[in-house]
PDB file of all heavy atoms in Angstrom:
ATOM      1  N   ALA A   1     -11.969  -3.808  20.075  1.00  0.00           N
ATOM      2  CA  ALA A   1     -11.477  -5.071  19.520  1.00  0.00           C
ATOM      3  C   ALA A   1     -11.279  -4.966  18.013  1.00  0.00           C
ATOM      4  O   ALA A   1     -10.238  -5.371  17.471  1.00  0.00           O
ATOM      5  CB  ALA A   1     -12.444  -6.199  19.860  1.00  0.00           C
ATOM      6  N   LEU A   2     -12.263  -4.415  17.314  1.00  0.00           N
ATOM      7  CA  LEU A   2     -12.132  -4.271  15.862  1.00  0.00           C
ATOM      8  C   LEU A   2     -11.021  -3.282  15.502  1.00  0.00           C
ATOM      9  O   LEU A   2     -10.363  -3.439  14.468  1.00  0.00           O
ATOM     10  CB  LEU A   2     -13.463  -3.812  15.264  1.00  0.00           C
ATOM     11  CG  LEU A   2     -14.594  -4.848  15.281  1.00  0.00           C
ATOM     12  CD1 LEU A   2     -15.870  -4.267  14.681  1.00  0.00           C
ATOM     13  CD2 LEU A   2     -14.194  -6.112  14.524  1.00  0.00           C
ATOM     14  N   THR A   3     -10.801  -2.277  16.362  1.00  0.00           N
ATOM     15  CA  THR A   3      -9.694  -1.348  16.115  1.00  0.00           C
ATOM     16  C   THR A   3      -8.356  -2.077  16.155  1.00  0.00           C
ATOM     17  O   THR A   3      -7.453  -1.795  15.360  1.00  0.00           O
ATOM     18  CB  THR A   3      -9.713  -0.222  17.160  1.00  0.00           C
ATOM     19  OG1 THR A   3     -10.997   0.408  17.154  1.00  0.00           O
ATOM     20  CG2 THR A   3      -8.655   0.826  16.854  1.00  0.00           C
ATOM     21  N   LEU A   4      -8.230  -3.052  17.051  1.00  0.00           N
ATOM     22  CA  LEU A   4      -6.998  -3.843  17.118  1.00  0.00           C
ATOM     23  C   LEU A   4      -6.810  -4.677  15.852  1.00  0.00           C
ATOM     24  O   LEU A   4      -5.689  -4.788  15.328  1.00  0.00           O
ATOM     25  CB  LEU A   4      -7.027  -4.753  18.342  1.00  0.00           C
ATOM     26  CG  LEU A   4      -6.844  -4.075  19.701  1.00  0.00           C
ATOM     27  CD1 LEU A   4      -6.947  -5.091  20.830  1.00  0.00           C
ATOM     28  CD2 LEU A   4      -5.512  -3.366  19.770  1.00  0.00           C
ATOM     29  N   PHE A   5      -7.884  -5.256  15.343  1.00  0.00           N
ATOM     30  CA  PHE A   5      -7.779  -6.038  14.105  1.00  0.00           C
ATOM     31  C   PHE A   5      -7.379  -5.134  12.932  1.00  0.00           C
ATOM     32  O   PHE A   5      -6.592  -5.532  12.070  1.00  0.00           O
ATOM     33  CB  PHE A   5      -9.100  -6.755  13.815  1.00  0.00           C
ATOM     34  CG  PHE A   5      -9.376  -7.912  14.729  1.00  0.00           C
ATOM     35  CD1 PHE A   5     -10.441  -7.889  15.609  1.00  0.00           C
ATOM     36  CD2 PHE A   5      -8.563  -9.037  14.713  1.00  0.00           C
ATOM     37  CE1 PHE A   5     -10.697  -8.955  16.459  1.00  0.00           C
ATOM     38  CE2 PHE A   5      -8.808 -10.109  15.558  1.00  0.00           C
ATOM     39  CZ  PHE A   5      -9.878 -10.067  16.434  1.00  0.00           C
ATOM     40  N   ALA A   6      -7.937  -3.911  12.903  1.00  0.00           N
ATOM     41  CA  ALA A   6      -7.565  -2.981  11.838  1.00  0.00           C
ATOM     42  C   ALA A   6      -6.092  -2.590  11.950  1.00  0.00           C
ATOM     43  O   ALA A   6      -5.383  -2.481  10.934  1.00  0.00           O
ATOM     44  CB  ALA A   6      -8.452  -1.738  11.903  1.00  0.00           C
ATOM     45  N   ALA A   7      -5.602  -2.382  13.174  1.00  0.00           N
ATOM     46  CA  ALA A   7      -4.187  -2.044  13.365  1.00  0.00           C
ATOM     47  C   ALA A   7      -3.292  -3.186  12.914  1.00  0.00           C
ATOM     48  O   ALA A   7      -2.213  -2.965  12.342  1.00  0.00           O
ATOM     49  CB  ALA A   7      -3.929  -1.709  14.832  1.00  0.00           C
ATOM     50  N   LEU A   8      -3.713  -4.417  13.156  1.00  0.00           N
ATOM     51  CA  LEU A   8      -2.953  -5.568  12.678  1.00  0.00           C
ATOM     52  C   LEU A   8      -2.842  -5.549  11.155  1.00  0.00           C
ATOM     53  O   LEU A   8      -1.751  -5.747  10.588  1.00  0.00           O
ATOM     54  CB  LEU A   8      -3.628  -6.864  13.137  1.00  0.00           C
ATOM     55  CG  LEU A   8      -3.065  -8.157  12.561  1.00  0.00           C
ATOM     56  CD1 LEU A   8      -1.662  -8.416  13.089  1.00  0.00           C
ATOM     57  CD2 LEU A   8      -3.988  -9.339  12.877  1.00  0.00           C
ATOM     58  N   GLY A   9      -3.964  -5.299  10.468  1.00  0.00           N
ATOM     59  CA  GLY A   9      -3.939  -5.229   9.013  1.00  0.00           C
ATOM     60  C   GLY A   9      -3.061  -4.106   8.507  1.00  0.00           C
ATOM     61  O   GLY A   9      -2.313  -4.277   7.527  1.00  0.00           O
ATOM     62  N   LEU A  10      -3.103  -2.958   9.177  1.00  0.00           N
ATOM     63  CA  LEU A  10      -2.255  -1.840   8.765  1.00  0.00           C
ATOM     64  C   LEU A  10      -0.777  -2.203   8.908  1.00  0.00           C
ATOM     65  O   LEU A  10       0.047  -1.854   8.056  1.00  0.00           O
ATOM     66  CB  LEU A  10      -2.583  -0.603   9.603  1.00  0.00           C
ATOM     67  CG  LEU A  10      -1.793   0.667   9.270  1.00  0.00           C
ATOM     68  CD1 LEU A  10      -2.034   1.093   7.826  1.00  0.00           C
ATOM     69  CD2 LEU A  10      -2.172   1.793  10.230  1.00  0.00           C
ATOM     70  N   GLY A  11      -0.451  -2.935   9.965  1.00  0.00           N
ATOM     71  CA  GLY A  11       0.930  -3.360  10.146  1.00  0.00           C
ATOM     72  C   GLY A  11       1.392  -4.299   9.049  1.00  0.00           C
ATOM     73  O   GLY A  11       2.526  -4.202   8.564  1.00  0.00           O
ATOM     74  N   ILE A  12       0.523  -5.223   8.623  1.00  0.00           N
ATOM     75  CA  ILE A  12       0.878  -6.146   7.543  1.00  0.00           C
ATOM     76  C   ILE A  12       1.136  -5.371   6.243  1.00  0.00           C
ATOM     77  O   ILE A  12       2.068  -5.673   5.490  1.00  0.00           O
ATOM     78  CB  ILE A  12      -0.242  -7.184   7.343  1.00  0.00           C
ATOM     79  CG1 ILE A  12      -0.382  -8.070   8.593  1.00  0.00           C
ATOM     80  CG2 ILE A  12       0.026  -8.050   6.117  1.00  0.00           C
ATOM     81  CD1 ILE A  12      -1.566  -9.007   8.543  1.00  0.00           C
ATOM     82  N   ALA A  13       0.307  -4.365   5.980  1.00  0.00           N
ATOM     83  CA  ALA A  13       0.406  -3.627   4.720  1.00  0.00           C
ATOM     84  C   ALA A  13       1.442  -2.517   4.749  1.00  0.00           C
ATOM     85  O   ALA A  13       1.757  -1.945   3.699  1.00  0.00           O
ATOM     86  CB  ALA A  13      -0.966  -3.036   4.369  1.00  0.00           C
ATOM     87  N   LEU A  14       1.992  -2.204   5.927  1.00  0.00           N
ATOM     88  CA  LEU A  14       2.835  -1.022   6.071  1.00  0.00           C
ATOM     89  C   LEU A  14       4.048  -0.997   5.126  1.00  0.00           C
ATOM     90  O   LEU A  14       4.337   0.051   4.530  1.00  0.00           O
ATOM     91  CB  LEU A  14       3.288  -0.894   7.523  1.00  0.00           C
ATOM     92  CG  LEU A  14       3.697   0.512   7.995  1.00  0.00           C
ATOM     93  CD1 LEU A  14       2.583   1.511   7.726  1.00  0.00           C
ATOM     94  CD2 LEU A  14       4.039   0.479   9.479  1.00  0.00           C
ATOM     95  N   PRO A  15       4.795  -2.105   4.928  1.00  0.00           N
ATOM     96  CA  PRO A  15       5.948  -2.033   4.015  1.00  0.00           C
ATOM     97  C   PRO A  15       5.544  -1.650   2.590  1.00  0.00           C
ATOM     98  O   PRO A  15       6.195  -0.814   1.950  1.00  0.00           O
ATOM     99  CB  PRO A  15       6.538  -3.447   4.080  1.00  0.00           C
ATOM    100  CG  PRO A  15       6.082  -3.994   5.383  1.00  0.00           C
ATOM    101  CD  PRO A  15       4.731  -3.422   5.603  1.00  0.00           C
ATOM    102  N   PHE A  16       4.483  -2.252   2.090  1.00  0.00           N
ATOM    103  CA  PHE A  16       4.039  -1.958   0.741  1.00  0.00           C
ATOM    104  C   PHE A  16       3.545  -0.522   0.642  1.00  0.00           C
ATOM    105  O   PHE A  16       3.773   0.179  -0.352  1.00  0.00           O
ATOM    106  CB  PHE A  16       2.949  -2.950   0.349  1.00  0.00           C
ATOM    107  CG  PHE A  16       2.583  -2.894  -1.106  1.00  0.00           C
ATOM    108  CD1 PHE A  16       3.544  -3.018  -2.101  1.00  0.00           C
ATOM    109  CD2 PHE A  16       1.266  -2.728  -1.500  1.00  0.00           C
ATOM    110  CE1 PHE A  16       3.203  -2.975  -3.437  1.00  0.00           C
ATOM    111  CE2 PHE A  16       0.919  -2.685  -2.834  1.00  0.00           C
ATOM    112  CZ  PHE A  16       1.891  -2.806  -3.809  1.00  0.00           C
ATOM    113  N   LEU A  17       2.863  -0.055   1.706  1.00  0.00           N
ATOM    114  CA  LEU A  17       2.373   1.320   1.730  1.00  0.00           C
ATOM    115  C   LEU A  17       3.545   2.303   1.746  1.00  0.00           C
ATOM    116  O   LEU A  17       3.500   3.356   1.091  1.00  0.00           O
ATOM    117  CB  LEU A  17       1.486   1.521   2.959  1.00  0.00           C
ATOM    118  CG  LEU A  17       0.579   2.754   2.981  1.00  0.00           C
ATOM    119  CD1 LEU A  17      -0.422   2.708   1.841  1.00  0.00           C
ATOM    120  CD2 LEU A  17      -0.149   2.845   4.317  1.00  0.00           C
ATOM    121  N   ALA A  18       4.616   1.954   2.479  1.00  0.00           N
ATOM    122  CA  ALA A  18       5.788   2.831   2.528  1.00  0.00           C
ATOM    123  C   ALA A  18       6.451   2.937   1.159  1.00  0.00           C
ATOM    124  O   ALA A  18       6.848   4.027   0.722  1.00  0.00           O
ATOM    125  CB  ALA A  18       6.776   2.308   3.569  1.00  0.00           C
ATOM    126  N   ILE A  19       6.578   1.814   0.451  1.00  0.00           N
ATOM    127  CA  ILE A  19       7.175   1.836  -0.889  1.00  0.00           C
ATOM    128  C   ILE A  19       6.333   2.688  -1.836  1.00  0.00           C
ATOM    129  O   ILE A  19       6.854   3.410  -2.690  1.00  0.00           O
ATOM    130  CB  ILE A  19       7.341   0.404  -1.422  1.00  0.00           C
ATOM    131  CG1 ILE A  19       8.418  -0.319  -0.616  1.00  0.00           C
ATOM    132  CG2 ILE A  19       7.704   0.399  -2.903  1.00  0.00           C
ATOM    133  CD1 ILE A  19       8.562  -1.775  -0.972  1.00  0.00           C
ATOM    134  N   ALA A  20       5.007   2.621  -1.662  1.00  0.00           N
ATOM    135  CA  ALA A  20       4.121   3.366  -2.552  1.00  0.00           C
ATOM    136  C   ALA A  20       4.232   4.876  -2.342  1.00  0.00           C
ATOM    137  O   ALA A  20       4.094   5.652  -3.291  1.00  0.00           O
ATOM    138  CB  ALA A  20       2.681   2.914  -2.356  1.00  0.00           C
ATOM    139  N   PHE A  21       4.509   5.321  -1.103  1.00  0.00           N
ATOM    140  CA  PHE A  21       4.453   6.749  -0.805  1.00  0.00           C
ATOM    141  C   PHE A  21       5.815   7.380  -0.523  1.00  0.00           C
ATOM    142  O   PHE A  21       5.884   8.595  -0.372  1.00  0.00           O
ATOM    143  CB  PHE A  21       3.517   6.985   0.389  1.00  0.00           C
ATOM    144  CG  PHE A  21       2.061   7.009   0.010  1.00  0.00           C
ATOM    145  CD1 PHE A  21       1.337   5.829  -0.086  1.00  0.00           C
ATOM    146  CD2 PHE A  21       1.426   8.205  -0.275  1.00  0.00           C
ATOM    147  CE1 PHE A  21       0.002   5.843  -0.443  1.00  0.00           C
ATOM    148  CE2 PHE A  21       0.097   8.231  -0.637  1.00  0.00           C
ATOM    149  CZ  PHE A  21      -0.622   7.043  -0.731  1.00  0.00           C
ATOM    150  N   VAL A  22       6.862   6.600  -0.418  1.00  0.00           N
ATOM    151  CA  VAL A  22       8.201   7.159  -0.168  1.00  0.00           C
ATOM    152  C   VAL A  22       9.016   7.026  -1.453  1.00  0.00           C
ATOM    153  O   VAL A  22       9.435   5.916  -1.810  1.00  0.00           O
ATOM    154  CB  VAL A  22       8.893   6.442   1.008  1.00  0.00           C
ATOM    155  CG1 VAL A  22      10.292   7.031   1.227  1.00  0.00           C
ATOM    156  CG2 VAL A  22       8.057   6.568   2.273  1.00  0.00           C
ATOM    157  N   PRO A  23       9.252   8.130  -2.189  1.00  0.00           N
ATOM    158  CA  PRO A  23       9.960   8.042  -3.471  1.00  0.00           C
ATOM    159  C   PRO A  23      11.343   7.407  -3.354  1.00  0.00           C
ATOM    160  O   PRO A  23      11.775   6.675  -4.244  1.00  0.00           O
ATOM    161  CB  PRO A  23      10.050   9.506  -3.922  1.00  0.00           C
ATOM    162  CG  PRO A  23       8.915  10.192  -3.219  1.00  0.00           C
ATOM    163  CD  PRO A  23       8.779   9.500  -1.911  1.00  0.00           C
ATOM    164  N   ALA A  24      12.065   7.685  -2.251  1.00  0.00           N
ATOM    165  CA  ALA A  24      13.409   7.124  -2.105  1.00  0.00           C
ATOM    166  C   ALA A  24      13.372   5.602  -2.093  1.00  0.00           C
ATOM    167  O   ALA A  24      14.251   4.938  -2.666  1.00  0.00           O
ATOM    168  CB  ALA A  24      14.049   7.657  -0.824  1.00  0.00           C
ATOM    169  N   LEU A  25      12.361   5.024  -1.444  1.00  0.00           N
ATOM    170  CA  LEU A  25      12.240   3.566  -1.436  1.00  0.00           C
ATOM    171  C   LEU A  25      11.839   3.049  -2.816  1.00  0.00           C
ATOM    172  O   LEU A  25      12.316   2.010  -3.269  1.00  0.00           O
ATOM    173  CB  LEU A  25      11.206   3.132  -0.385  1.00  0.00           C
ATOM    174  CG  LEU A  25      11.578   3.372   1.080  1.00  0.00           C
ATOM    175  CD1 LEU A  25      10.416   2.985   1.990  1.00  0.00           C
ATOM    176  CD2 LEU A  25      12.825   2.568   1.446  1.00  0.00           C
ATOM    177  N   ARG A  26      10.939   3.788  -3.473  1.00  0.00           N
ATOM    178  CA  ARG A  26      10.457   3.333  -4.776  1.00  0.00           C
ATOM    179  C   ARG A  26      11.572   3.372  -5.819  1.00  0.00           C
ATOM    180  O   ARG A  26      11.622   2.542  -6.724  1.00  0.00           O
ATOM    181  CB  ARG A  26       9.268   4.190  -5.203  1.00  0.00           C
ATOM    182  CG  ARG A  26       8.450   3.559  -6.321  1.00  0.00           C
ATOM    183  CD  ARG A  26       7.098   4.217  -6.468  1.00  0.00           C
ATOM    184  NE  ARG A  26       7.189   5.647  -6.679  1.00  0.00           N
ATOM    185  CZ  ARG A  26       6.845   6.566  -5.781  1.00  0.00           C
ATOM    186  NH1 ARG A  26       6.411   6.186  -4.592  1.00  0.00           N
ATOM    187  NH2 ARG A  26       6.947   7.855  -6.046  1.00  0.00           N
ATOM    188  N   ARG A  27      12.500   4.351  -5.683  1.00  0.00           N
ATOM    189  CA  ARG A  27      13.591   4.427  -6.660  1.00  0.00           C
ATOM    190  C   ARG A  27      14.540   3.238  -6.565  1.00  0.00           C
ATOM    191  O   ARG A  27      15.261   2.940  -7.515  1.00  0.00           O
ATOM    192  CB  ARG A  27      14.363   5.734  -6.449  1.00  0.00           C
ATOM    193  CG  ARG A  27      13.657   6.965  -7.020  1.00  0.00           C
ATOM    194  CD  ARG A  27      14.587   8.145  -7.111  1.00  0.00           C
ATOM    195  NE  ARG A  27      15.044   8.592  -5.793  1.00  0.00           N
ATOM    196  CZ  ARG A  27      14.404   9.536  -5.083  1.00  0.00           C
ATOM    197  NH1 ARG A  27      13.305  10.113  -5.553  1.00  0.00           N
ATOM    198  NH2 ARG A  27      14.872   9.900  -3.906  1.00  0.00           N
ATOM    199  N   ARG A  28      14.534   2.570  -5.411  1.00  0.00           N
ATOM    200  CA  ARG A  28      15.393   1.393  -5.255  1.00  0.00           C
ATOM    201  C   ARG A  28      14.800   0.155  -5.920  1.00  0.00           C
ATOM    202  O   ARG A  28      15.487  -0.860  -6.055  1.00  0.00           O
ATOM    203  CB  ARG A  28      15.611   1.109  -3.771  1.00  0.00           C
ATOM    204  CG  ARG A  28      16.443   2.175  -3.069  1.00  0.00           C
ATOM    205  CD  ARG A  28      16.603   1.852  -1.600  1.00  0.00           C
ATOM    206  NE  ARG A  28      17.449   2.835  -0.928  1.00  0.00           N
ATOM    207  CZ  ARG A  28      18.767   2.728  -0.824  1.00  0.00           C
ATOM    208  NH1 ARG A  28      19.387   1.695  -1.366  1.00  0.00           N
ATOM    209  NH2 ARG A  28      19.472   3.665  -0.204  1.00  0.00           N
ATOM    210  N   MET A  29      13.515   0.231  -6.294  1.00  0.00           N
ATOM    211  CA  MET A  29      12.877  -0.908  -6.958  1.00  0.00           C
ATOM    212  C   MET A  29      13.355  -0.981  -8.402  1.00  0.00           C
ATOM    213  O   MET A  29      13.567   0.053  -9.058  1.00  0.00           O
ATOM    214  CB  MET A  29      11.349  -0.761  -6.931  1.00  0.00           C
ATOM    215  CG  MET A  29      10.749  -0.727  -5.524  1.00  0.00           C
ATOM    216  SD  MET A  29      11.068  -2.237  -4.606  1.00  0.00           S
ATOM    217  CE  MET A  29      10.197  -3.412  -5.639  1.00  0.00           C
ATOM    218  N   PRO A  30      13.543  -2.176  -8.970  1.00  0.00           N
ATOM    219  CA  PRO A  30      13.948  -2.304 -10.378  1.00  0.00           C
ATOM    220  C   PRO A  30      12.900  -1.706 -11.310  1.00  0.00           C
ATOM    221  O   PRO A  30      11.698  -1.751 -11.026  1.00  0.00           O
ATOM    222  CB  PRO A  30      14.073  -3.813 -10.589  1.00  0.00           C
ATOM    223  CG  PRO A  30      13.839  -4.463  -9.285  1.00  0.00           C
ATOM    224  CD  PRO A  30      13.358  -3.467  -8.313  1.00  0.00           C
ATOM    225  N   ARG A  31      13.340  -1.144 -12.407  1.00  0.00           N
ATOM    226  CA  ARG A  31      12.420  -0.576 -13.374  1.00  0.00           C
ATOM    227  C   ARG A  31      11.648  -1.687 -14.072  1.00  0.00           C
ATOM    228  O   ARG A  31      12.193  -2.766 -14.352  1.00  0.00           O
ATOM    229  CB  ARG A  31      13.184   0.233 -14.428  1.00  0.00           C
ATOM    230  CG  ARG A  31      14.046   1.348 -13.851  1.00  0.00           C
ATOM    231  CD  ARG A  31      13.211   2.352 -13.086  1.00  0.00           C
ATOM    232  NE  ARG A  31      12.216   3.001 -13.919  1.00  0.00           N
ATOM    233  CZ  ARG A  31      11.267   3.817 -13.461  1.00  0.00           C
ATOM    234  NH1 ARG A  31      11.187   4.067 -12.153  1.00  0.00           N
ATOM    235  NH2 ARG A  31      10.416   4.385 -14.295  1.00  0.00           N
ATOM    236  N   PRO A  32      10.371  -1.457 -14.366  1.00  0.00           N
ATOM    237  CA  PRO A  32       9.600  -2.475 -15.084  1.00  0.00           C
ATOM    238  C   PRO A  32      10.214  -2.755 -16.449  1.00  0.00           C
ATOM    239  O   PRO A  32      10.809  -1.885 -17.081  1.00  0.00           O
ATOM    240  CB  PRO A  32       8.207  -1.839 -15.220  1.00  0.00           C
ATOM    241  CG  PRO A  32       8.165  -0.779 -14.166  1.00  0.00           C
ATOM    242  CD  PRO A  32       9.566  -0.279 -14.012  1.00  0.00           C
ATOM    243  N   GLY A  33      10.046  -4.006 -16.877  1.00  0.00           N
ATOM    244  CA  GLY A  33      10.586  -4.402 -18.173  1.00  0.00           C
ATOM    245  C   GLY A  33      10.228  -5.838 -18.481  1.00  0.00           C
ATOM    246  O   GLY A  33       9.397  -6.472 -17.802  1.00  0.00           O
ATOM    247  N   ALA A  34      10.895  -6.386 -19.485  1.00  0.00           N
ATOM    248  CA  ALA A  34      10.608  -7.757 -19.908  1.00  0.00           C
ATOM    249  C   ALA A  34      10.970  -8.765 -18.829  1.00  0.00           C
ATOM    250  O   ALA A  34      10.425  -9.883 -18.800  1.00  0.00           O
ATOM    251  CB  ALA A  34      11.370  -8.057 -21.198  1.00  0.00           C
ATOM    252  N   TRP A  35      11.897  -8.377 -17.921  1.00  0.00           N
ATOM    253  CA  TRP A  35      12.300  -9.309 -16.871  1.00  0.00           C
ATOM    254  C   TRP A  35      11.122  -9.725 -15.982  1.00  0.00           C
ATOM    255  O   TRP A  35      11.148 -10.783 -15.353  1.00  0.00           O
ATOM    256  CB  TRP A  35      13.391  -8.666 -15.994  1.00  0.00           C
ATOM    257  CG  TRP A  35      12.911  -7.464 -15.219  1.00  0.00           C
ATOM    258  CD1 TRP A  35      12.916  -6.179 -15.614  1.00  0.00           C
ATOM    259  CD2 TRP A  35      12.333  -7.484 -13.911  1.00  0.00           C
ATOM    260  NE1 TRP A  35      12.394  -5.356 -14.644  1.00  0.00           N
ATOM    261  CE2 TRP A  35      12.030  -6.142 -13.574  1.00  0.00           C
ATOM    262  CE3 TRP A  35      12.047  -8.483 -12.990  1.00  0.00           C
ATOM    263  CZ2 TRP A  35      11.447  -5.783 -12.370  1.00  0.00           C
ATOM    264  CZ3 TRP A  35      11.472  -8.133 -11.773  1.00  0.00           C
ATOM    265  CH2 TRP A  35      11.173  -6.790 -11.478  1.00  0.00           C
ATOM    266  N   MET A  36      10.059  -8.871 -15.962  1.00  0.00           N
ATOM    267  CA  MET A  36       8.930  -9.191 -15.090  1.00  0.00           C
ATOM    268  C   MET A  36       8.200 -10.450 -15.519  1.00  0.00           C
ATOM    269  O   MET A  36       7.652 -11.169 -14.683  1.00  0.00           O
ATOM    270  CB  MET A  36       7.962  -8.005 -15.031  1.00  0.00           C
ATOM    271  CG  MET A  36       8.538  -6.784 -14.315  1.00  0.00           C
ATOM    272  SD  MET A  36       7.350  -5.430 -14.171  1.00  0.00           S
ATOM    273  CE  MET A  36       6.077  -6.177 -13.195  1.00  0.00           C
ATOM    274  N   ASN A  37       8.177 -10.740 -16.828  1.00  0.00           N
ATOM    275  CA  ASN A  37       7.527 -11.971 -17.282  1.00  0.00           C
ATOM    276  C   ASN A  37       8.277 -13.200 -16.769  1.00  0.00           C
ATOM    277  O   ASN A  37       7.672 -14.181 -16.313  1.00  0.00           O
ATOM    278  CB  ASN A  37       7.446 -11.994 -18.809  1.00  0.00           C
ATOM    279  CG  ASN A  37       6.480 -10.956 -19.344  1.00  0.00           C
ATOM    280  OD1 ASN A  37       5.465 -10.662 -18.703  1.00  0.00           O
ATOM    281  ND2 ASN A  37       6.789 -10.371 -20.502  1.00  0.00           N
ATOM    282  N   THR A  38       9.622 -13.146 -16.856  1.00  0.00           N
ATOM    283  CA  THR A  38      10.410 -14.256 -16.328  1.00  0.00           C
ATOM    284  C   THR A  38      10.239 -14.366 -14.813  1.00  0.00           C
ATOM    285  O   THR A  38      10.092 -15.464 -14.258  1.00  0.00           O
ATOM    286  CB  THR A  38      11.899 -14.051 -16.671  1.00  0.00           C
ATOM    287  OG1 THR A  38      12.033 -13.913 -18.081  1.00  0.00           O
ATOM    288  CG2 THR A  38      12.732 -15.220 -16.180  1.00  0.00           C
ATOM    289  N   PHE A  39      10.259 -13.203 -14.155  1.00  0.00           N
ATOM    290  CA  PHE A  39      10.081 -13.184 -12.699  1.00  0.00           C
ATOM    291  C   PHE A  39       8.736 -13.788 -12.308  1.00  0.00           C
ATOM    292  O   PHE A  39       8.640 -14.555 -11.340  1.00  0.00           O
ATOM    293  CB  PHE A  39      10.180 -11.737 -12.217  1.00  0.00           C
ATOM    294  CG  PHE A  39      10.028 -11.579 -10.731  1.00  0.00           C
ATOM    295  CD1 PHE A  39      11.039 -11.986  -9.873  1.00  0.00           C
ATOM    296  CD2 PHE A  39       8.879 -11.013 -10.195  1.00  0.00           C
ATOM    297  CE1 PHE A  39      10.895 -11.835  -8.500  1.00  0.00           C
ATOM    298  CE2 PHE A  39       8.737 -10.864  -8.833  1.00  0.00           C
ATOM    299  CZ  PHE A  39       9.750 -11.271  -7.978  1.00  0.00           C
ATOM    300  N   ARG A  40       7.713 -13.493 -13.092  1.00  0.00           N
ATOM    301  CA  ARG A  40       6.384 -14.036 -12.813  1.00  0.00           C
ATOM    302  C   ARG A  40       6.384 -15.550 -12.904  1.00  0.00           C
ATOM    303  O   ARG A  40       5.787 -16.224 -12.061  1.00  0.00           O
ATOM    304  CB  ARG A  40       5.382 -13.437 -13.803  1.00  0.00           C
ATOM    305  CG  ARG A  40       4.017 -14.096 -13.774  1.00  0.00           C
ATOM    306  CD  ARG A  40       3.080 -13.445 -14.764  1.00  0.00           C
ATOM    307  NE  ARG A  40       1.890 -14.251 -14.982  1.00  0.00           N
ATOM    308  CZ  ARG A  40       0.864 -13.884 -15.710  1.00  0.00           C
ATOM    309  NH1 ARG A  40       0.871 -12.693 -16.304  1.00  0.00           N
ATOM    310  NH2 ARG A  40      -0.175 -14.672 -15.863  1.00  0.00           N
ATOM    311  N   ARG A  41       7.070 -16.115 -13.911  1.00  0.00           N
ATOM    312  CA  ARG A  41       7.123 -17.576 -14.040  1.00  0.00           C
ATOM    313  C   ARG A  41       7.807 -18.200 -12.823  1.00  0.00           C
ATOM    314  O   ARG A  41       7.361 -19.212 -12.293  1.00  0.00           O
ATOM    315  CB  ARG A  41       7.876 -17.973 -15.308  1.00  0.00           C
ATOM    316  CG  ARG A  41       7.280 -17.441 -16.601  1.00  0.00           C
ATOM    317  CD  ARG A  41       5.924 -18.089 -16.925  1.00  0.00           C
ATOM    318  NE  ARG A  41       5.477 -17.761 -18.265  1.00  0.00           N
ATOM    319  CZ  ARG A  41       4.742 -16.700 -18.573  1.00  0.00           C
ATOM    320  NH1 ARG A  41       4.391 -15.839 -17.619  1.00  0.00           N
ATOM    321  NH2 ARG A  41       4.348 -16.478 -19.812  1.00  0.00           N
ATOM    322  N   TRP A  42       8.917 -17.571 -12.381  1.00  0.00           N
ATOM    323  CA  TRP A  42       9.623 -18.122 -11.232  1.00  0.00           C
ATOM    324  C   TRP A  42       8.778 -18.048  -9.962  1.00  0.00           C
ATOM    325  O   TRP A  42       8.896 -18.917  -9.088  1.00  0.00           O
ATOM    326  CB  TRP A  42      10.936 -17.369 -11.014  1.00  0.00           C
ATOM    327  CG  TRP A  42      12.032 -17.840 -11.916  1.00  0.00           C
ATOM    328  CD1 TRP A  42      12.539 -17.222 -13.007  1.00  0.00           C
ATOM    329  CD2 TRP A  42      12.762 -19.076 -11.784  1.00  0.00           C
ATOM    330  NE1 TRP A  42      13.524 -17.970 -13.595  1.00  0.00           N
ATOM    331  CE2 TRP A  42      13.692 -19.126 -12.848  1.00  0.00           C
ATOM    332  CE3 TRP A  42      12.726 -20.145 -10.886  1.00  0.00           C
ATOM    333  CZ2 TRP A  42      14.570 -20.191 -13.036  1.00  0.00           C
ATOM    334  CZ3 TRP A  42      13.600 -21.204 -11.054  1.00  0.00           C
ATOM    335  CH2 TRP A  42      14.506 -21.223 -12.121  1.00  0.00           C
TER     336      TRP A  42
END
């Protein structure tokens, strides 16, 4: 039962984990900059 709950959590985190470990996906992310402050307000 707990293994199923852990698998559920892994599924929720999977997109973020893929961006962190797949360089091709990470290169598609905008470069950090001053725009992040405005983005944070929005």
